[in-house]
Amino acid sequence: MLGILSPNRHRAAGDPAVPVVSFAPVLLLRERTRRSMLEALRAVALSIEQGAEPTALLRAIAGAGGDRPLGEPGSGDAAVPPPELYFALPSNDEQRTIAERLRDRDLVVVQGPPGTGKTHTIANLVTDLLAHGNRVLITSHTARALKVLKDKLPVGIRELCVSRTDDGVGQLELEQSVKAILDRQGDFSSRAHRRRIQEHEERLRSARSSQALALKALRALREQETYHHPAEIGDYEGTLARIAQRLAGEHPRFGWIGVVPADAPTLDAEVLTRQRRAALAFTDRHRALAASVSAALPAPGQLPTAPAFAEAVETIKTAEADLAALRQNGFVSRLDDAVSALTPAQQDQLVTALDHFIATARAATSMPTAWAELRDEILAGQDLGARSRHERTTAALTAIEEAERALGSTLVTGLEAYDVPTALGLAATLRDGLASGERLRGSWV
């Protein structure tokens, strides 16, 4: 009989006698023996018989660990703060709880279905134990689980893991790990590592301080939403959300008020009372008067500010007080009458002349001491000597300017070696000699 071998062919409905061979799943059920576990226990028992010291975990399993049952917390010192957790991967509260239990217990069992983060938790526990100077042994039924866990570890720790699997890949990883450990040991510097540890601890403290401030600010924001505000303004009370909902509901009624500029009124009761009195005093006659001059009013941007207006009012008050005090003097009163008879333009000219006189008087007062006597003579009206000296000085300067023009571009040198009287005497002798017809002797360039 001829059969057909085809993995995708179905049995022909009209020919049941023709056999068809195809692939099909097979489920094999067999009992899992405890041979490997028994062999491990026999090896442990043999080691003990040969005098090997049992570990603390083995003593606890055998019931020789004291009165404390296996897995129960030890009697740690409550006054000592818990050691720092050094997790290389992100963690949650459950993983931190497991690490805390592992510190004071001989045995911690973590159970959970696949995908719940058990390998992630083991990787964090490994980094924390290594950071505190412990040695870690990880065992598994399969090499694949060890490889998955190793891939979870940081690169700096991954290359220091010694893998003891039987395949060739495990042997190669063992050689690479041993080489990395030797390289690390050769380059190790305790001082440099202590400095790096201090730097990282300082960064950790700074990060926790920033985290505490951020949590405090977040807590304050959340409390603002839950805090029940008392009725301080009207009868508005409750949370901010409830008050905002009430304001939104009352907007059609009170929306004409607009945005309130401050938490408290900017005017007190006394100012409001004065404004009310001023409003009541503003009669129809005042309104008609204001309407008649409204065309001459400046634009709002041209009006002075409140401080500038107050300063101007204060200046006017001071000027009026000074004028009243001056009018007590009869001479000043006559001057005031004379000035009042001038036109505004003439008064401006008088003000300019007075300002110039005051500035000149101040400049004369601040002149050097050598000019003080001459200044006092001029101010006392004894200016005849000063005028004569002024005329002589002006004539000498004019003669000097004419001589300078006659000299032109001729350069005279050598006089700088003498003082002024000596140079003046030599120049006068030269001038008189040339004027009398004498000639210069010697070589001249």
Protein backbone atom coordinates (compact mmCIF):
# COMPACT_ATOMS: atom_id res chain seq x y z
CA MET A 1 0.00 0.00 0.00
CA LEU A 2 1.38 3.40 -0.96
CA GLY A 3 1.27 6.20 1.63
CA ILE A 4 1.89 9.92 1.32
CA LEU A 5 4.33 11.81 3.62
CA SER A 6 3.29 15.47 3.80
CA PRO A 7 3.36 17.76 6.88
CA ASN A 8 0.60 20.00 5.50
CA ARG A 9 -1.66 17.40 3.92
CA HIS A 10 -4.92 16.41 5.54
CA ARG A 11 -6.57 13.06 5.32
CA ALA A 12 -8.71 12.77 2.23
CA ALA A 13 -12.32 12.54 3.22
CA GLY A 14 -13.20 10.14 0.40
CA ASP A 15 -10.25 7.73 0.83
CA PRO A 16 -9.87 6.64 4.50
CA ALA A 17 -7.79 3.62 3.55
CA VAL A 18 -4.76 5.65 2.37
CA PRO A 19 -2.40 6.35 5.34
CA VAL A 20 -0.93 9.87 5.83
CA VAL A 21 2.16 10.55 7.96
CA SER A 22 2.42 14.06 9.61
CA PHE A 23 4.03 15.84 12.60
CA ALA A 24 2.13 15.86 15.90
CA PRO A 25 3.04 17.01 19.50
CA VAL A 26 3.90 14.37 22.05
CA LEU A 27 3.60 14.82 25.85
CA LEU A 28 5.85 12.56 27.93
CA LEU A 29 5.13 12.16 31.64
CA ARG A 30 7.87 10.87 33.92
CA GLU A 31 8.56 11.11 37.61
CA ARG A 32 11.35 13.52 38.62
CA THR A 33 13.76 11.77 40.91
CA ARG A 34 15.61 13.29 43.82
CA ARG A 35 18.91 11.76 42.85
CA SER A 36 20.75 15.08 42.42
CA MET A 37 19.49 16.36 45.77
CA LEU A 38 20.42 13.15 47.53
CA GLU A 39 23.87 13.23 46.01
CA ALA A 40 24.35 16.81 47.21
CA LEU A 41 23.23 15.91 50.73
CA ARG A 42 25.55 12.89 50.78
CA ALA A 43 28.44 15.16 49.73
CA VAL A 44 27.63 17.55 52.59
CA ALA A 45 27.44 14.70 55.08
CA LEU A 46 30.75 13.33 53.84
CA SER A 47 32.39 16.71 54.28
CA ILE A 48 31.14 16.91 57.84
CA GLU A 49 32.39 13.41 58.62
CA GLN A 50 35.80 14.40 57.28
CA GLY A 51 35.98 17.27 59.79
CA ALA A 52 34.71 20.22 57.74
CA GLU A 53 33.14 22.99 59.82
CA PRO A 54 29.44 23.38 58.96
CA THR A 55 28.23 26.80 57.90
CA ALA A 56 25.76 28.89 59.87
CA LEU A 57 23.01 28.09 57.38
CA LEU A 58 23.72 24.38 57.62
CA ARG A 59 23.68 24.50 61.41
CA ALA A 60 20.35 26.32 61.28
CA ILE A 61 18.91 23.68 58.94
CA ALA A 62 20.16 20.92 61.21
CA GLY A 63 18.61 22.59 64.25
CA ALA A 64 21.93 23.45 65.89
CA GLY A 65 21.68 27.21 65.41
CA GLY A 66 20.45 28.05 68.92
CA ASP A 67 17.04 28.90 70.26
CA ARG A 68 16.12 31.18 67.34
CA PRO A 69 14.12 29.31 64.66
CA LEU A 70 15.25 29.39 61.06
CA GLY A 71 14.03 32.51 59.24
CA GLU A 72 13.27 34.46 62.42
CA PRO A 73 14.87 37.92 62.93
CA GLY A 74 17.92 38.15 65.11
CA SER A 75 18.46 40.35 68.15
CA GLY A 76 19.97 43.36 66.41
CA ASP A 77 20.89 46.59 68.14
CA ALA A 78 17.94 48.96 67.70
CA ALA A 79 20.11 52.00 68.40
CA VAL A 80 22.37 51.31 65.42
CA PRO A 81 20.98 52.86 62.22
CA PRO A 82 20.36 50.40 59.38
CA PRO A 83 23.15 50.20 56.79
CA GLU A 84 22.81 51.91 53.47
CA LEU A 85 21.11 50.11 50.59
CA TYR A 86 23.18 50.05 47.41
CA PHE A 87 20.86 48.89 44.64
CA ALA A 88 22.15 49.17 41.08
CA LEU A 89 18.67 48.89 39.54
CA PRO A 90 15.41 50.70 40.27
CA SER A 91 13.61 49.25 43.27
CA ASN A 92 10.26 49.36 45.01
CA ASP A 93 9.14 49.00 48.61
CA GLU A 94 8.86 45.19 48.42
CA GLN A 95 12.45 44.79 47.22
CA ARG A 96 13.77 47.10 49.94
CA THR A 97 11.79 45.12 52.52
CA ILE A 98 13.42 41.88 51.31
CA ALA A 99 16.88 43.43 51.67
CA GLU A 100 16.09 44.60 55.22
CA ARG A 101 14.88 41.13 56.20
CA LEU A 102 17.99 39.56 54.74
CA ARG A 103 20.18 41.54 57.14
CA ASP A 104 18.86 39.95 60.35
CA ARG A 105 17.62 36.56 59.10
CA ASP A 106 19.43 33.39 58.09
CA LEU A 107 16.93 32.52 55.38
CA VAL A 108 14.55 34.56 53.22
CA VAL A 109 12.26 32.91 50.67
CA VAL A 110 10.94 35.00 47.78
CA GLN A 111 8.20 33.39 45.72
CA GLY A 112 6.16 34.58 42.79
CA PRO A 113 5.04 33.66 39.30
CA PRO A 114 7.26 34.38 36.29
CA GLY A 115 7.59 38.03 35.35
CA THR A 116 7.13 39.44 38.87
CA GLY A 117 10.71 40.71 39.21
CA LYS A 118 12.45 37.97 41.16
CA THR A 119 15.59 38.11 39.00
CA HIS A 120 15.54 41.90 39.25
CA THR A 121 15.36 41.63 43.04
CA ILE A 122 18.24 39.14 43.17
CA ALA A 123 20.42 41.46 41.07
CA ASN A 124 19.78 44.31 43.49
CA LEU A 125 20.54 42.08 46.49
CA VAL A 126 23.81 40.97 44.89
CA THR A 127 25.00 44.56 44.37
CA ASP A 128 24.03 45.50 47.94
CA LEU A 129 25.80 42.50 49.48
CA LEU A 130 28.94 43.09 47.41
CA ALA A 131 28.96 46.78 48.36
CA HIS A 132 29.03 45.77 52.05
CA GLY A 133 31.99 43.41 51.52
CA ASN A 134 30.13 40.09 51.36
CA ARG A 135 30.73 37.19 49.01
CA VAL A 136 27.75 35.84 47.09
CA LEU A 137 27.16 32.32 45.75
CA ILE A 138 24.30 31.90 43.28
CA THR A 139 23.07 28.44 42.31
CA SER A 140 20.41 27.36 39.87
CA HIS A 141 19.08 24.18 38.28
CA THR A 142 19.85 25.54 34.80
CA ALA A 143 22.65 27.64 33.34
CA ARG A 144 20.12 29.79 31.48
CA ALA A 145 18.78 31.26 34.72
CA LEU A 146 22.32 32.21 35.76
CA LYS A 147 22.91 33.88 32.39
CA VAL A 148 19.69 35.91 32.70
CA LEU A 149 20.72 37.04 36.17
CA LYS A 150 24.23 37.92 35.03
CA ASP A 151 22.84 40.09 32.24
CA LYS A 152 20.89 42.03 34.88
CA LEU A 153 24.02 42.98 36.80
CA PRO A 154 25.99 46.17 36.05
CA VAL A 155 28.92 45.82 33.66
CA GLY A 156 31.48 46.55 36.39
CA ILE A 157 30.19 43.65 38.48
CA ARG A 158 29.24 41.36 35.61
CA GLU A 159 32.83 40.94 34.46
CA LEU A 160 33.92 39.91 37.98
CA CYS A 161 31.40 37.08 38.26
CA VAL A 162 32.98 33.61 38.18
CA SER A 163 30.72 31.16 36.35
CA ARG A 164 31.15 27.39 37.09
CA THR A 165 29.11 25.75 34.36
CA ASP A 166 30.20 22.64 32.48
CA ASP A 167 29.85 23.87 28.90
CA GLY A 168 32.59 25.50 26.85
CA VAL A 169 31.01 28.92 27.08
CA GLY A 170 31.15 28.71 30.87
CA GLN A 171 34.85 27.86 30.73
CA LEU A 172 35.54 30.88 28.51
CA GLU A 173 33.56 33.16 30.85
CA LEU A 174 35.53 31.78 33.79
CA GLU A 175 38.83 32.69 32.12
CA GLN A 176 37.55 36.20 31.29
CA SER A 177 36.34 36.73 34.85
CA VAL A 178 39.63 35.62 36.37
CA LYS A 179 41.53 37.92 34.01
CA ALA A 180 39.26 40.86 34.91
CA ILE A 181 39.74 40.19 38.65
CA LEU A 182 43.52 40.13 38.25
CA ASP A 183 43.46 43.37 36.24
CA ARG A 184 41.31 45.04 38.87
CA GLN A 185 43.60 43.88 41.64
CA GLY A 186 46.68 45.21 39.85
CA ASP A 187 45.13 48.64 39.29
CA PHE A 188 43.54 48.91 42.73
CA SER A 189 44.29 52.07 44.75
CA SER A 190 42.68 52.30 48.17
CA ARG A 191 43.11 56.08 48.34
CA ALA A 192 41.47 56.64 44.95
CA HIS A 193 38.59 54.33 45.82
CA ARG A 194 38.04 56.02 49.19
CA ARG A 195 37.93 59.38 47.43
CA ARG A 196 35.41 58.08 44.91
CA ILE A 197 33.31 56.62 47.73
CA GLN A 198 33.30 59.99 49.51
CA GLU A 199 32.30 61.78 46.31
CA HIS A 200 29.43 59.37 45.69
CA GLU A 201 28.28 59.62 49.32
CA GLU A 202 28.24 63.41 49.03
CA ARG A 203 26.22 63.19 45.81
CA LEU A 204 23.83 60.79 47.55
CA ARG A 205 23.34 63.17 50.48
CA SER A 206 22.76 66.08 48.12
CA ALA A 207 20.25 64.07 46.08
CA ARG A 208 18.36 63.04 49.21
CA SER A 209 18.28 66.63 50.44
CA SER A 210 16.84 67.75 47.09
CA GLN A 211 14.36 64.89 47.24
CA ALA A 212 13.27 65.91 50.74
CA LEU A 213 12.71 69.49 49.62
CA ALA A 214 10.76 68.35 46.57
CA LEU A 215 8.59 66.03 48.70
CA LYS A 216 8.00 68.86 51.17
CA ALA A 217 6.90 71.17 48.35
CA LEU A 218 4.67 68.41 46.92
CA ARG A 219 3.16 67.80 50.35
CA ALA A 220 2.47 71.53 50.68
CA LEU A 221 0.73 71.57 47.29
CA ARG A 222 -1.40 68.59 48.25
CA GLU A 223 -2.27 70.14 51.60
CA GLN A 224 -3.48 73.26 49.80
CA GLU A 225 -6.06 71.12 48.05
CA THR A 226 -7.19 69.39 51.24
CA TYR A 227 -6.85 72.22 53.78
CA HIS A 228 -10.15 73.61 55.02
CA HIS A 229 -9.84 77.40 54.87
CA PRO A 230 -11.87 79.28 57.51
CA ALA A 231 -14.28 82.04 56.60
CA GLU A 232 -11.95 85.07 56.58
CA ILE A 233 -13.51 87.01 53.66
CA GLY A 234 -17.28 86.89 53.85
CA ASP A 235 -18.62 83.39 54.25
CA TYR A 236 -16.25 81.73 51.76
CA GLU A 237 -14.79 78.65 53.44
CA GLY A 238 -13.71 75.12 52.60
CA THR A 239 -11.08 73.78 50.25
CA LEU A 240 -9.70 75.81 47.36
CA ALA A 241 -11.61 73.68 44.87
CA ARG A 242 -14.90 74.23 46.70
CA ILE A 243 -14.31 78.00 46.94
CA ALA A 244 -13.39 78.13 43.24
CA GLN A 245 -16.59 76.25 42.33
CA ARG A 246 -18.66 78.73 44.32
CA LEU A 247 -16.93 81.72 42.69
CA ALA A 248 -17.56 80.23 39.25
CA GLY A 249 -21.23 79.81 40.12
CA GLU A 250 -21.50 83.42 41.35
CA HIS A 251 -19.67 84.91 38.34
CA PRO A 252 -22.87 86.01 36.49
CA ARG A 253 -23.84 88.01 39.59
CA PHE A 254 -20.50 89.48 40.71
CA GLY A 255 -18.41 89.35 37.52
CA TRP A 256 -18.64 93.14 37.10
CA ILE A 257 -16.22 93.59 40.02
CA GLY A 258 -13.29 92.29 37.96
CA VAL A 259 -9.95 91.07 39.26
CA VAL A 260 -9.20 92.11 42.84
CA PRO A 261 -5.69 93.72 42.85
CA ALA A 262 -4.73 92.65 46.39
CA ASP A 263 -5.78 90.38 49.23
CA ALA A 264 -6.80 93.39 51.35
CA PRO A 265 -8.43 96.72 50.33
CA THR A 266 -5.90 99.29 49.16
CA LEU A 267 -7.83 102.11 50.91
CA ASP A 268 -8.55 102.31 54.62
CA ALA A 269 -11.74 103.59 56.22
CA GLU A 270 -10.45 107.16 56.65
CA VAL A 271 -9.52 107.54 52.96
CA LEU A 272 -12.86 106.09 51.88
CA THR A 273 -14.63 108.59 54.17
CA ARG A 274 -12.75 111.53 52.61
CA GLN A 275 -13.55 110.29 49.11
CA ARG A 276 -17.24 110.02 50.01
CA ARG A 277 -17.25 113.57 51.36
CA ALA A 278 -15.49 114.82 48.22
CA ALA A 279 -18.05 113.04 46.04
CA LEU A 280 -20.91 114.60 47.98
CA ALA A 281 -19.28 118.05 47.72
CA PHE A 282 -18.95 117.72 43.94
CA THR A 283 -22.22 119.47 43.05
CA ASP A 284 -23.85 120.16 39.70
CA ARG A 285 -22.07 123.52 39.51
CA HIS A 286 -18.71 121.74 39.78
CA ARG A 287 -19.75 119.27 37.12
CA ALA A 288 -20.73 122.10 34.77
CA LEU A 289 -17.42 123.85 35.45
CA ALA A 290 -15.47 120.65 34.76
CA ALA A 291 -17.45 120.12 31.55
CA SER A 292 -16.58 123.60 30.35
CA VAL A 293 -12.81 123.00 30.63
CA SER A 294 -12.77 119.33 29.61
CA ALA A 295 -11.53 120.24 26.12
CA ALA A 296 -8.37 121.80 27.59
CA LEU A 297 -7.51 118.88 29.85
CA PRO A 298 -4.35 116.94 28.97
CA ALA A 299 -4.35 113.32 27.99
CA PRO A 300 -4.17 110.77 30.84
CA GLY A 301 -0.60 109.86 29.86
CA GLN A 302 0.49 113.50 30.23
CA LEU A 303 -0.76 113.82 33.80
CA PRO A 304 1.91 113.66 36.52
CA THR A 305 2.19 110.64 38.72
CA ALA A 306 1.02 110.74 42.33
CA PRO A 307 4.55 111.18 43.78
CA ALA A 308 5.40 113.91 41.25
CA PHE A 309 2.13 115.73 41.96
CA ALA A 310 2.72 115.54 45.72
CA GLU A 311 6.26 116.89 45.25
CA ALA A 312 4.98 119.78 43.13
CA VAL A 313 2.37 120.67 45.74
CA GLU A 314 5.02 120.60 48.45
CA THR A 315 7.27 122.89 46.36
CA ILE A 316 4.44 125.40 45.89
CA LYS A 317 3.70 125.37 49.61
CA THR A 318 7.36 126.00 50.43
CA ALA A 319 7.58 128.83 47.92
CA GLU A 320 4.44 130.47 49.31
CA ALA A 321 5.79 130.19 52.86
CA ASP A 322 9.13 131.75 51.81
CA LEU A 323 7.30 134.56 49.99
CA ALA A 324 5.18 135.31 53.04
CA ALA A 325 8.32 135.49 55.18
CA LEU A 326 10.04 137.84 52.69
CA ARG A 327 7.07 140.16 52.53
CA GLN A 328 7.61 140.96 56.19
CA ASN A 329 10.58 143.09 54.97
CA GLY A 330 9.52 146.41 53.40
CA PHE A 331 12.38 146.44 50.85
CA VAL A 332 11.55 142.94 49.66
CA SER A 333 7.91 143.92 49.47
CA ARG A 334 8.79 146.80 47.11
CA LEU A 335 10.88 144.43 44.99
CA ASP A 336 7.95 142.03 44.85
CA ASP A 337 5.70 144.81 43.65
CA ALA A 338 8.24 145.77 40.99
CA VAL A 339 8.62 142.17 39.82
CA SER A 340 4.85 141.66 39.78
CA ALA A 341 4.59 144.58 37.33
CA LEU A 342 6.80 142.77 34.80
CA THR A 343 5.46 140.60 32.05
CA PRO A 344 5.97 136.78 32.26
CA ALA A 345 8.72 136.99 29.60
CA GLN A 346 10.52 139.73 31.53
CA GLN A 347 10.22 137.73 34.72
CA ASP A 348 11.81 134.73 32.97
CA GLN A 349 14.70 136.94 31.82
CA LEU A 350 15.13 138.23 35.37
CA VAL A 351 15.20 134.67 36.72
CA THR A 352 17.84 133.71 34.16
CA ALA A 353 20.00 136.73 35.07
CA LEU A 354 19.69 135.98 38.79
CA ASP A 355 20.65 132.35 38.21
CA HIS A 356 23.70 133.45 36.23
CA PHE A 357 24.64 135.94 38.99
CA ILE A 358 24.33 133.27 41.70
CA ALA A 359 26.43 130.81 39.70
CA THR A 360 29.12 133.47 39.10
CA ALA A 361 29.16 134.42 42.77
CA ARG A 362 29.63 130.77 43.76
CA ALA A 363 32.49 130.46 41.26
CA ALA A 364 34.15 133.58 42.67
CA THR A 365 33.80 132.22 46.20
CA SER A 366 35.54 128.99 45.22
CA MET A 367 38.55 130.77 43.58
CA PRO A 368 42.10 130.04 44.87
CA THR A 369 43.48 131.98 47.86
CA ALA A 370 45.86 134.03 45.67
CA TRP A 371 42.86 135.72 44.07
CA ALA A 372 40.99 136.27 47.32
CA GLU A 373 42.34 139.82 47.91
CA LEU A 374 41.57 140.96 44.36
CA ARG A 375 38.12 139.37 44.55
CA ASP A 376 37.33 141.15 47.80
CA GLU A 377 38.45 144.50 46.31
CA ILE A 378 36.23 144.05 43.27
CA LEU A 379 33.24 142.97 45.37
CA ALA A 380 33.84 146.04 47.62
CA GLY A 381 33.71 148.33 44.58
CA GLN A 382 37.47 149.08 44.57
CA ASP A 383 38.11 147.79 41.06
CA LEU A 384 40.34 150.61 39.70
CA GLY A 385 43.61 148.68 40.24
CA ALA A 386 42.11 145.50 38.83
CA ARG A 387 40.89 147.32 35.73
CA SER A 388 44.35 148.92 35.18
CA ARG A 389 46.08 145.55 35.57
CA HIS A 390 43.56 144.04 33.19
CA GLU A 391 44.31 146.67 30.55
CA ARG A 392 48.11 146.18 30.86
CA THR A 393 47.76 142.39 30.66
CA THR A 394 45.51 142.66 27.62
CA ALA A 395 48.01 144.98 25.85
CA ALA A 396 50.93 142.59 26.66
CA LEU A 397 49.00 139.61 25.32
CA THR A 398 48.20 141.56 22.14
CA ALA A 399 51.90 142.42 21.63
CA ILE A 400 52.87 138.78 22.21
CA GLU A 401 50.37 137.65 19.61
CA GLU A 402 51.75 140.18 17.06
CA ALA A 403 55.36 139.09 17.77
CA GLU A 404 54.31 135.46 17.36
CA ARG A 405 52.81 136.24 13.97
CA ALA A 406 55.99 138.09 12.95
CA LEU A 407 58.15 135.19 14.07
CA GLY A 408 56.19 132.85 11.87
CA SER A 409 57.56 129.30 11.68
CA THR A 410 61.06 130.22 12.90
CA LEU A 411 62.21 127.88 15.66
CA VAL A 412 64.27 129.36 18.51
CA THR A 413 66.05 126.86 20.72
CA GLY A 414 68.51 127.03 23.57
CA LEU A 415 66.47 129.24 25.88
CA GLU A 416 65.00 126.24 27.64
CA ALA A 417 68.34 125.79 29.44
CA TYR A 418 67.80 129.04 31.38
CA ASP A 419 65.25 130.21 33.83
CA VAL A 420 62.76 132.89 32.78
CA PRO A 421 64.60 136.01 34.13
CA THR A 422 67.94 134.89 32.60
CA ALA A 423 66.35 134.03 29.26
CA LEU A 424 64.51 137.37 29.28
CA GLY A 425 67.76 139.24 29.97
CA LEU A 426 69.67 137.48 27.17
CA ALA A 427 66.85 138.07 24.71
CA ALA A 428 66.73 141.78 25.67
CA THR A 429 70.53 142.12 25.19
CA LEU A 430 70.26 140.46 21.77
CA ARG A 431 67.42 142.75 20.79
CA ASP A 432 69.21 145.94 21.93
CA GLY A 433 72.44 144.91 20.15
CA LEU A 434 70.71 144.24 16.86
CA ALA A 435 68.77 147.48 17.20
CA SER A 436 72.04 149.45 17.66
CA GLY A 437 73.55 148.01 14.47
CA GLU A 438 75.74 145.31 15.92
CA ARG A 439 76.10 142.00 14.16
CA LEU A 440 76.22 138.40 15.33
CA ARG A 441 79.64 136.78 15.30
CA GLY A 442 80.46 133.11 14.90
CA SER A 443 78.89 130.24 12.94
CA TRP A 444 75.08 130.09 12.77
CA VAL A 445 72.99 127.38 11.35
